[in-house]
Protein backbone atom coordinates (compact mmCIF):
# COMPACT_ATOMS: atom_id res chain seq x y z
CA MET A 1 7.95 -31.51 -25.68
CA ALA A 2 6.46 -28.08 -24.90
CA ASP A 3 3.14 -27.89 -22.93
CA LYS A 4 0.41 -25.59 -24.24
CA ILE A 5 -0.28 -22.92 -21.66
CA ASP A 6 -3.97 -22.39 -20.68
CA PRO A 7 -4.69 -18.62 -21.05
CA ASP A 8 -6.91 -18.71 -17.71
CA GLN A 9 -3.76 -19.96 -15.96
CA ALA A 10 -1.62 -17.50 -17.34
CA THR A 11 -3.39 -14.51 -15.74
CA ILE A 12 -2.73 -12.66 -12.56
CA GLY A 13 -5.85 -11.89 -10.71
CA PRO A 14 -6.54 -8.68 -8.69
CA THR A 15 -5.48 -8.32 -5.18
CA ARG A 16 -7.99 -9.83 -2.96
CA PHE A 17 -9.54 -7.79 -0.12
CA ARG A 18 -8.94 -10.23 2.48
CA PHE A 19 -5.11 -10.22 1.79
CA LEU A 20 -5.18 -6.67 2.43
CA VAL A 21 -7.04 -7.21 5.64
CA VAL A 22 -4.71 -9.78 6.74
CA ALA A 23 -1.65 -7.36 6.04
CA PHE A 24 -3.42 -4.58 8.00
CA VAL A 25 -4.03 -6.90 11.01
CA LEU A 26 -0.59 -8.17 11.11
CA GLY A 27 0.85 -4.73 10.64
CA ALA A 28 -1.40 -3.64 13.61
CA LEU A 29 -0.14 -6.48 15.92
CA VAL A 30 3.44 -5.52 15.05
CA GLY A 31 2.84 -1.81 15.75
CA TYR A 32 0.96 -2.43 18.89
CA THR A 33 3.76 -4.85 20.21
CA LEU A 34 6.50 -2.51 19.16
CA VAL A 35 5.84 0.18 21.81
CA PRO A 36 6.42 -2.11 24.84
CA LEU A 37 9.27 -4.05 23.28
CA SER A 38 11.03 -0.77 22.49
CA GLU A 39 10.33 0.59 26.05
CA GLN A 40 11.87 -2.42 27.40
CA LEU A 41 14.94 -2.44 25.29
CA HIS A 42 15.59 1.39 24.88
CA GLY A 43 13.58 2.81 27.71
CA THR A 44 11.34 4.83 25.46
CA ALA A 45 9.11 4.45 22.32
CA PRO A 46 10.24 5.68 18.92
CA THR A 47 8.94 8.87 17.59
CA ILE A 48 7.47 9.33 14.02
CA GLN A 49 8.75 12.18 11.89
CA TRP A 50 6.71 14.22 9.59
CA THR A 51 9.19 13.22 6.92
CA SER A 52 8.03 9.69 7.12
CA VAL A 53 4.50 10.97 6.34
CA GLY A 54 5.68 13.03 3.56
CA VAL A 55 7.56 10.15 1.95
CA LEU A 56 4.50 7.92 2.07
CA ALA A 57 2.46 10.80 0.58
CA VAL A 58 4.94 10.95 -2.26
CA ILE A 59 4.79 7.40 -2.90
CA ALA A 60 1.14 7.54 -3.12
CA VAL A 61 1.31 10.48 -5.59
CA VAL A 62 3.69 8.58 -7.85
CA LEU A 63 1.46 5.55 -7.90
CA LEU A 64 -1.41 7.69 -8.72
CA ALA A 65 0.52 9.33 -11.70
CA LEU A 66 1.67 5.93 -12.97
CA ALA A 67 -2.06 4.62 -12.69
CA TYR A 68 -3.26 7.76 -14.70
CA SER A 69 -0.64 7.42 -17.30
CA THR A 70 -1.29 3.58 -17.71
CA TYR A 71 -4.91 4.01 -17.83
CA ARG A 72 -4.73 6.76 -20.50
CA THR A 73 -2.28 4.74 -22.52
CA LEU A 74 -4.11 1.32 -22.38
CA HIS A 75 -7.88 2.47 -22.16
CA ARG A 76 -8.25 5.77 -23.48
CA GLU A 77 -5.71 5.97 -26.32
CA ARG A 78 -5.82 2.27 -26.86
CA ARG A 79 -2.15 2.12 -27.46
CA ARG A 80 0.05 -0.97 -26.74
CA MET A 81 2.37 -1.12 -23.93
CA GLU A 82 5.38 -3.40 -23.69
CA PRO A 83 4.37 -6.50 -21.80
CA HIS A 84 7.24 -6.55 -19.45
CA ARG A 85 6.28 -2.94 -18.46
CA ALA A 86 2.83 -3.68 -17.79
CA VAL A 87 3.59 -6.74 -15.70
CA ASN A 88 6.32 -4.58 -13.81
CA PHE A 89 3.60 -2.09 -12.93
CA LEU A 90 1.20 -4.70 -11.87
CA MET A 91 3.65 -6.39 -9.63
CA MET A 92 4.68 -3.24 -8.28
CA ALA A 93 0.95 -2.09 -7.72
CA LYS A 94 0.31 -5.52 -5.85
CA ALA A 95 3.34 -5.19 -3.77
CA CYS A 96 2.46 -1.56 -2.94
CA ALA A 97 -0.98 -2.49 -1.87
CA LEU A 98 0.19 -5.11 0.48
CA VAL A 99 3.04 -3.20 2.00
CA GLY A 100 0.82 -0.19 2.46
CA GLY A 101 -1.91 -2.16 4.12
CA PHE A 102 0.89 -3.63 6.47
CA LEU A 103 2.08 0.00 7.15
CA ALA A 104 -1.31 1.45 7.71
CA GLY A 105 -2.06 -1.30 10.41
CA GLY A 106 1.29 -0.77 11.94
CA TYR A 107 0.94 2.84 12.40
CA VAL A 108 -2.64 2.50 13.59
CA GLY A 109 -1.46 -0.20 16.18
CA PHE A 110 1.51 2.07 17.17
CA GLY A 111 -0.74 5.17 17.72
CA ALA A 112 -3.32 3.06 19.66
CA GLN A 113 -0.87 2.54 22.39
CA PHE A 114 -1.00 6.22 23.14
CA ILE A 115 -4.64 7.05 22.64
CA ASP A 116 -5.23 7.15 26.55
CA GLN A 117 -2.40 9.57 27.02
CA MET A 118 -3.58 12.45 24.70
CA ASP A 119 -3.32 15.11 27.34
CA VAL A 120 0.58 14.67 27.35
CA VAL A 121 2.28 16.32 24.37
CA LEU A 122 4.66 13.69 23.19
CA PRO A 123 1.96 10.85 23.11
CA ARG A 124 -0.38 13.28 21.49
CA GLU A 125 2.22 13.94 18.74
CA ARG A 126 2.83 10.32 18.26
CA VAL A 127 -0.88 9.67 17.81
CA ILE A 128 -1.44 12.50 15.50
CA ARG A 129 1.67 11.61 13.39
CA SER A 130 1.03 7.67 13.51
CA PHE A 131 -2.71 8.24 12.18
CA ALA A 132 -1.48 10.78 9.56
CA ALA A 133 1.07 8.17 8.30
CA ALA A 134 -1.62 5.47 8.41
CA GLY A 135 -3.73 7.78 6.12
CA ALA A 136 -0.81 8.26 3.79
CA SER A 137 -0.41 4.37 3.95
CA CYS A 138 -4.04 3.93 3.02
CA ALA A 139 -3.66 6.38 0.15
CA ILE A 140 -0.86 4.18 -1.05
CA VAL A 141 -3.12 1.15 -1.01
CA PHE A 142 -5.87 3.03 -2.87
CA CYS A 143 -3.42 4.34 -5.66
CA ALA A 144 -1.69 0.85 -6.05
CA LEU A 145 -5.17 -0.66 -6.58
CA LEU A 146 -6.08 1.95 -9.13
CA LEU A 147 -2.69 1.11 -10.93
CA GLU A 148 -3.48 -2.50 -10.69
CA ARG A 149 -6.73 -1.83 -12.39
CA ALA A 150 -5.30 0.28 -15.01
CA CYS A 151 -3.04 -2.60 -15.91
CA ARG A 152 -5.97 -4.65 -16.96
CA VAL A 153 -5.93 -5.39 -20.54
CA PRO A 154 -8.88 -3.94 -22.26
CA SER A 155 -11.23 -6.31 -24.15
CA ASP A 156 -10.71 -6.50 -27.92
CA PRO A 157 -13.78 -4.76 -29.65
CA GLU A 158 -13.15 -7.03 -32.95
CA SER A 159 -13.68 -10.34 -30.96
């Protein structure tokens, strides 16, 4: 006996802002505690490379391109998209938004450990690079939310 699925229960809602805030705060706590833990275990805090910032920026650009392509296909051209493809894009967007929020918080927490040492070169580089990576992570969140919004099914004008 098959149960009938209620259409309201079969939908995936947009990512809630509070989940992004929780991910950011958890990331900030992890990033902030990473410095003393690393100094205790290894004697020094890790450094952040510009390639990390670049990779995060590339991810944001890819998400933005997917969002634009999906929006154009579904909303402007009113073409159909394979359901599994749309669901995959939606799930990727939700995951990227949460991970981007966590990474942004982590980089901010990491950089916050070195704010009071800005007159020394290495801590200043850590702050600059961590905040640049946090900005790129915020761009990931923004672009992922755009992709999530682009995956919304447009209302049928005939109904």
